[in-house]
């Protein structure tokens, strides 16, 4: 696990968000909403950084280049949409579908798949679906967007659980060796 301090900071922001939710929903304090939103936003950004850095995306430079180039298509489509709505929308949708296809291909070519791999695939699929709905049907995107957020936090909490479990399993042999000596 790389960047363990970032993991602890992410957990801290998640706890801050939970405290904000408690203040907001049980004590009905208006500051709770601000604390909750700040904590969740920081958790999402830091969690995404953690998952990307500790996944195969960063270690595979070919994948980074492919995803970077494919991410330019929806961005270009957004700007072209100002001039031609149909061409811009088509570029956005094509880019989103290609991103999903490349990630799915990478997922399928992975020899051993873990729960976190499945969660990442489902999350990326839901984010692409949300973006697709934002481009075509704006009203339906809010519901799918919330599902994508729930999937992200499920994936993040599972990732934190695995990372902390690995830490305790790494510490156990050292403690046993000290007890033997």
C-alpha atoms as a PDB file:
ATOM      1  CA  UNK A   1       0.000   0.000   0.000  1.00  0.00           C
ATOM      2  CA  UNK A   2       1.411   3.311  -1.080  1.00  0.00           C
ATOM      3  CA  UNK A   3       0.712   6.599   0.713  1.00  0.00           C
ATOM      4  CA  UNK A   4      -0.551   5.246   4.032  1.00  0.00           C
ATOM      5  CA  UNK A   5      -0.683   8.760   5.560  1.00  0.00           C
ATOM      6  CA  UNK A   6      -3.147   9.712   2.817  1.00  0.00           C
ATOM      7  CA  UNK A   7      -5.259   6.714   3.826  1.00  0.00           C
ATOM      8  CA  UNK A   8      -5.424   7.983   7.407  1.00  0.00           C
ATOM      9  CA  UNK A   9      -6.276  11.515   6.246  1.00  0.00           C
ATOM     10  CA  UNK A  10      -9.059  10.076   4.072  1.00  0.00           C
ATOM     11  CA  UNK A  11     -10.446   8.135   7.032  1.00  0.00           C
ATOM     12  CA  UNK A  12     -10.286  11.359   9.067  1.00  0.00           C
ATOM     13  CA  UNK A  13     -12.353  13.237   6.491  1.00  0.00           C
ATOM     14  CA  UNK A  14     -14.839  10.353   6.386  1.00  0.00           C
ATOM     15  CA  UNK A  15     -15.198  10.564  10.175  1.00  0.00           C
ATOM     16  CA  UNK A  16     -15.610  14.347   9.841  1.00  0.00           C
ATOM     17  CA  UNK A  17     -18.416  13.778   7.322  1.00  0.00           C
ATOM     18  CA  UNK A  18     -20.106  11.329   9.693  1.00  0.00           C
ATOM     19  CA  UNK A  19     -19.865  13.897  12.513  1.00  0.00           C
ATOM     20  CA  UNK A  20     -21.381  16.491  10.188  1.00  0.00           C
ATOM     21  CA  UNK A  21     -24.242  14.126   9.373  1.00  0.00           C
ATOM     22  CA  UNK A  22     -24.861  13.570  13.089  1.00  0.00           C
ATOM     23  CA  UNK A  23     -24.906  17.320  13.711  1.00  0.00           C
ATOM     24  CA  UNK A  24     -27.200  17.859  10.746  1.00  0.00           C
ATOM     25  CA  UNK A  25     -29.730  15.078  11.235  1.00  0.00           C
ATOM     26  CA  UNK A  26     -29.858  14.512  14.995  1.00  0.00           C
ATOM     27  CA  UNK A  27     -29.072  17.925  16.479  1.00  0.00           C
ATOM     28  CA  UNK A  28     -30.438  19.895  13.486  1.00  0.00           C
ATOM     29  CA  UNK A  29     -27.509  22.302  13.505  1.00  0.00           C
ATOM     30  CA  UNK A  30     -26.988  24.168  10.205  1.00  0.00           C
ATOM     31  CA  UNK A  31     -23.188  23.877  10.477  1.00  0.00           C
ATOM     32  CA  UNK A  32     -23.614  20.101  10.185  1.00  0.00           C
ATOM     33  CA  UNK A  33     -24.504  20.425   6.522  1.00  0.00           C
ATOM     34  CA  UNK A  34     -21.330  22.399   5.803  1.00  0.00           C
ATOM     35  CA  UNK A  35     -19.150  19.948   7.725  1.00  0.00           C
ATOM     36  CA  UNK A  36     -20.830  16.992   6.017  1.00  0.00           C
ATOM     37  CA  UNK A  37     -20.391  18.424   2.502  1.00  0.00           C
ATOM     38  CA  UNK A  38     -16.763  19.409   3.161  1.00  0.00           C
ATOM     39  CA  UNK A  39     -15.923  16.012   4.653  1.00  0.00           C
ATOM     40  CA  UNK A  40     -17.572  14.067   1.835  1.00  0.00           C
ATOM     41  CA  UNK A  41     -15.939  16.179  -0.878  1.00  0.00           C
ATOM     42  CA  UNK A  42     -12.468  15.760   0.612  1.00  0.00           C
ATOM     43  CA  UNK A  43     -13.089  12.048   1.160  1.00  0.00           C
ATOM     44  CA  UNK A  44     -14.117  11.572  -2.462  1.00  0.00           C
ATOM     45  CA  UNK A  45     -11.088  13.398  -3.885  1.00  0.00           C
ATOM     46  CA  UNK A  46      -8.539  11.759  -1.569  1.00  0.00           C
ATOM     47  CA  UNK A  47     -10.188   8.347  -1.911  1.00  0.00           C
ATOM     48  CA  UNK A  48     -10.075   8.564  -5.682  1.00  0.00           C
ATOM     49  CA  UNK A  49      -6.379   9.480  -5.532  1.00  0.00           C
ATOM     50  CA  UNK A  50      -5.713   6.520  -3.218  1.00  0.00           C
ATOM     51  CA  UNK A  51      -7.591   4.027  -5.376  1.00  0.00           C
ATOM     52  CA  UNK A  52      -5.932   5.217  -8.577  1.00  0.00           C
ATOM     53  CA  UNK A  53      -2.416   5.291  -7.101  1.00  0.00           C
ATOM     54  CA  UNK A  54      -2.742   1.848  -5.515  1.00  0.00           C
ATOM     55  CA  UNK A  55      -4.398   0.280  -8.537  1.00  0.00           C
ATOM     56  CA  UNK A  56      -3.075  -0.878 -11.878  1.00  0.00           C
ATOM     57  CA  UNK A  57      -3.843   2.409 -13.596  1.00  0.00           C
ATOM     58  CA  UNK A  58      -0.684   4.198 -12.454  1.00  0.00           C
ATOM     59  CA  UNK A  59       1.648   1.232 -12.886  1.00  0.00           C
ATOM     60  CA  UNK A  60       0.536   0.670 -16.477  1.00  0.00           C
ATOM     61  CA  UNK A  61       1.764   3.657 -18.506  1.00  0.00           C
ATOM     62  CA  UNK A  62       0.036   2.437 -21.674  1.00  0.00           C
ATOM     63  CA  UNK A  63      -3.282   2.515 -19.838  1.00  0.00           C
ATOM     64  CA  UNK A  64      -2.573   6.050 -18.560  1.00  0.00           C
ATOM     65  CA  UNK A  65      -1.919   7.279 -22.101  1.00  0.00           C
ATOM     66  CA  UNK A  66      -5.035   5.586 -23.471  1.00  0.00           C
ATOM     67  CA  UNK A  67      -7.296   6.949 -20.757  1.00  0.00           C
ATOM     68  CA  UNK A  68      -5.763  10.417 -21.086  1.00  0.00           C
ATOM     69  CA  UNK A  69      -6.388  10.494 -24.828  1.00  0.00           C
ATOM     70  CA  UNK A  70      -9.893   9.124 -24.442  1.00  0.00           C
ATOM     71  CA  UNK A  71     -10.695  11.708 -21.776  1.00  0.00           C
ATOM     72  CA  UNK A  72      -9.973  14.409 -24.349  1.00  0.00           C
ATOM     73  CA  UNK A  73     -12.920  13.272 -26.499  1.00  0.00           C
ATOM     74  CA  UNK A  74     -15.694  14.191 -24.029  1.00  0.00           C
ATOM     75  CA  UNK A  75     -13.855  17.405 -23.189  1.00  0.00           C
ATOM     76  CA  UNK A  76     -13.553  18.339 -26.864  1.00  0.00           C
ATOM     77  CA  UNK A  77     -17.186  17.361 -27.361  1.00  0.00           C
ATOM     78  CA  UNK A  78     -18.195  19.733 -24.585  1.00  0.00           C
ATOM     79  CA  UNK A  79     -16.497  22.670 -26.308  1.00  0.00           C
ATOM     80  CA  UNK A  80     -17.666  21.676 -29.800  1.00  0.00           C
ATOM     81  CA  UNK A  81     -21.217  21.435 -28.457  1.00  0.00           C
ATOM     82  CA  UNK A  82     -21.305  25.251 -28.340  1.00  0.00           C
ATOM     83  CA  UNK A  83     -20.978  25.322 -32.130  1.00  0.00           C
ATOM     84  CA  UNK A  84     -22.730  22.108 -33.153  1.00  0.00           C
ATOM     85  CA  UNK A  85     -24.901  20.375 -30.601  1.00  0.00           C
ATOM     86  CA  UNK A  86     -25.144  17.027 -32.421  1.00  0.00           C
ATOM     87  CA  UNK A  87     -21.401  16.668 -33.144  1.00  0.00           C
ATOM     88  CA  UNK A  88     -20.460  17.733 -29.606  1.00  0.00           C
ATOM     89  CA  UNK A  89     -22.890  15.304 -28.007  1.00  0.00           C
ATOM     90  CA  UNK A  90     -21.672  12.502 -30.284  1.00  0.00           C
ATOM     91  CA  UNK A  91     -18.032  13.153 -29.313  1.00  0.00           C
ATOM     92  CA  UNK A  92     -18.921  13.176 -25.633  1.00  0.00           C
ATOM     93  CA  UNK A  93     -20.821   9.904 -25.838  1.00  0.00           C
ATOM     94  CA  UNK A  94     -18.151   8.250 -27.988  1.00  0.00           C
ATOM     95  CA  UNK A  95     -15.429   9.239 -25.519  1.00  0.00           C
ATOM     96  CA  UNK A  96     -17.420   7.951 -22.550  1.00  0.00           C
ATOM     97  CA  UNK A  97     -18.151   4.638 -24.217  1.00  0.00           C
ATOM     98  CA  UNK A  98     -14.520   4.200 -25.265  1.00  0.00           C
ATOM     99  CA  UNK A  99     -13.331   4.898 -21.710  1.00  0.00           C
ATOM    100  CA  UNK A 100     -15.712   2.227 -20.437  1.00  0.00           C
ATOM    101  CA  UNK A 101     -14.610  -0.215 -23.158  1.00  0.00           C
ATOM    102  CA  UNK A 102     -10.887   0.258 -22.423  1.00  0.00           C
ATOM    103  CA  UNK A 103     -11.432  -0.147 -18.684  1.00  0.00           C
ATOM    104  CA  UNK A 104     -13.618  -3.222 -19.226  1.00  0.00           C
ATOM    105  CA  UNK A 105     -10.951  -4.716 -21.525  1.00  0.00           C
ATOM    106  CA  UNK A 106      -8.310  -4.133 -18.858  1.00  0.00           C
ATOM    107  CA  UNK A 107     -10.604  -5.668 -16.247  1.00  0.00           C
ATOM    108  CA  UNK A 108     -11.278  -8.755 -18.362  1.00  0.00           C
ATOM    109  CA  UNK A 109      -7.584  -9.278 -19.144  1.00  0.00           C
ATOM    110  CA  UNK A 110      -6.690  -9.286 -15.445  1.00  0.00           C
ATOM    111  CA  UNK A 111      -5.842 -12.869 -14.439  1.00  0.00           C
ATOM    112  CA  UNK A 112      -7.056 -12.647 -10.843  1.00  0.00           C
ATOM    113  CA  UNK A 113      -9.973 -10.427  -9.972  1.00  0.00           C
ATOM    114  CA  UNK A 114     -10.744  -9.339  -6.442  1.00  0.00           C
ATOM    115  CA  UNK A 115     -13.829  -7.732  -4.951  1.00  0.00           C
ATOM    116  CA  UNK A 116     -12.242  -4.296  -5.288  1.00  0.00           C
ATOM    117  CA  UNK A 117     -11.768  -4.868  -9.028  1.00  0.00           C
ATOM    118  CA  UNK A 118     -15.463  -5.629  -9.447  1.00  0.00           C
ATOM    119  CA  UNK A 119     -16.425  -2.591  -7.382  1.00  0.00           C
ATOM    120  CA  UNK A 120     -14.189  -0.366  -9.530  1.00  0.00           C
ATOM    121  CA  UNK A 121     -15.741  -1.705 -12.741  1.00  0.00           C
ATOM    122  CA  UNK A 122     -19.273  -1.169 -11.446  1.00  0.00           C
ATOM    123  CA  UNK A 123     -18.377   2.307 -10.209  1.00  0.00           C
ATOM    124  CA  UNK A 124     -16.793   3.366 -13.499  1.00  0.00           C
ATOM    125  CA  UNK A 125     -19.796   1.956 -15.368  1.00  0.00           C
ATOM    126  CA  UNK A 126     -22.178   3.940 -13.179  1.00  0.00           C
ATOM    127  CA  UNK A 127     -20.120   7.130 -13.613  1.00  0.00           C
ATOM    128  CA  UNK A 128     -20.136   6.684 -17.397  1.00  0.00           C
ATOM    129  CA  UNK A 129     -23.886   6.028 -17.280  1.00  0.00           C
ATOM    130  CA  UNK A 130     -24.378   9.179 -15.188  1.00  0.00           C
ATOM    131  CA  UNK A 131     -22.328  11.226 -17.638  1.00  0.00           C
ATOM    132  CA  UNK A 132     -24.222   9.708 -20.547  1.00  0.00           C
ATOM    133  CA  UNK A 133     -27.532  10.650 -18.934  1.00  0.00           C
ATOM    134  CA  UNK A 134     -26.246  14.147 -18.188  1.00  0.00           C
ATOM    135  CA  UNK A 135     -25.523  14.615 -21.882  1.00  0.00           C
ATOM    136  CA  UNK A 136     -28.830  13.177 -23.118  1.00  0.00           C
ATOM    137  CA  UNK A 137     -31.480  13.245 -20.365  1.00  0.00           C
ATOM    138  CA  UNK A 138     -30.544  15.696 -17.655  1.00  0.00           C
ATOM    139  CA  UNK A 139     -33.390  14.812 -15.261  1.00  0.00           C
ATOM    140  CA  UNK A 140     -32.585  11.093 -14.941  1.00  0.00           C
ATOM    141  CA  UNK A 141     -28.922  11.727 -14.135  1.00  0.00           C
ATOM    142  CA  UNK A 142     -29.531  12.788 -10.529  1.00  0.00           C
ATOM    143  CA  UNK A 143     -30.768   9.344  -9.461  1.00  0.00           C
ATOM    144  CA  UNK A 144     -28.002   7.442 -11.239  1.00  0.00           C
ATOM    145  CA  UNK A 145     -25.469   9.963  -9.916  1.00  0.00           C
ATOM    146  CA  UNK A 146     -26.484   9.143  -6.358  1.00  0.00           C
ATOM    147  CA  UNK A 147     -26.136   5.427  -7.090  1.00  0.00           C
ATOM    148  CA  UNK A 148     -22.645   6.131  -8.463  1.00  0.00           C
ATOM    149  CA  UNK A 149     -21.770   8.023  -5.279  1.00  0.00           C
ATOM    150  CA  UNK A 150     -23.029   5.164  -3.101  1.00  0.00           C
ATOM    151  CA  UNK A 151     -20.948   2.715  -5.149  1.00  0.00           C
ATOM    152  CA  UNK A 152     -17.886   4.950  -4.797  1.00  0.00           C
ATOM    153  CA  UNK A 153     -18.174   5.174  -1.020  1.00  0.00           C
ATOM    154  CA  UNK A 154     -18.799   1.427  -0.791  1.00  0.00           C
ATOM    155  CA  UNK A 155     -15.651   0.852  -2.839  1.00  0.00           C
ATOM    156  CA  UNK A 156     -13.683   3.358  -0.750  1.00  0.00           C
ATOM    157  CA  UNK A 157     -14.765   1.863   2.573  1.00  0.00           C
ATOM    158  CA  UNK A 158     -13.920  -1.623   1.311  1.00  0.00           C
ATOM    159  CA  UNK A 159     -10.530  -0.354   0.107  1.00  0.00           C
ATOM    160  CA  UNK A 160      -9.848   1.230   3.518  1.00  0.00           C
ATOM    161  CA  UNK A 161     -10.891  -2.010   5.224  1.00  0.00           C
ATOM    162  CA  UNK A 162      -8.513  -4.050   3.056  1.00  0.00           C
ATOM    163  CA  UNK A 163      -5.663  -1.575   3.545  1.00  0.00           C
ATOM    164  CA  UNK A 164      -6.048  -1.533   7.306  1.00  0.00           C
ATOM    165  CA  UNK A 165      -6.363  -5.345   7.396  1.00  0.00           C
ATOM    166  CA  UNK A 166      -3.117  -5.655   5.435  1.00  0.00           C
ATOM    167  CA  UNK A 167      -1.439  -3.390   7.970  1.00  0.00           C
ATOM    168  CA  UNK A 168      -2.505  -5.559  10.895  1.00  0.00           C
ATOM    169  CA  UNK A 169      -1.449  -8.752   9.106  1.00  0.00           C
ATOM    170  CA  UNK A 170       1.956  -7.199   8.349  1.00  0.00           C
ATOM    171  CA  UNK A 171       2.381  -6.225  12.009  1.00  0.00           C
ATOM    172  CA  UNK A 172       1.498  -9.685  13.359  1.00  0.00           C
ATOM    173  CA  UNK A 173       4.615 -11.597  12.177  1.00  0.00           C
ATOM    174  CA  UNK A 174       6.918  -8.911  13.615  1.00  0.00           C
ATOM    175  CA  UNK A 175       5.237  -9.151  17.010  1.00  0.00           C
ATOM    176  CA  UNK A 176       5.490 -12.950  16.977  1.00  0.00           C
ATOM    177  CA  UNK A 177       9.204 -12.798  16.080  1.00  0.00           C
ATOM    178  CA  UNK A 178       9.860 -10.372  18.945  1.00  0.00           C
ATOM    179  CA  UNK A 179       8.022 -12.692  21.353  1.00  0.00           C
ATOM    180  CA  UNK A 180      10.137 -15.657  20.179  1.00  0.00           C
ATOM    181  CA  UNK A 181      13.433 -13.795  20.684  1.00  0.00           C
END
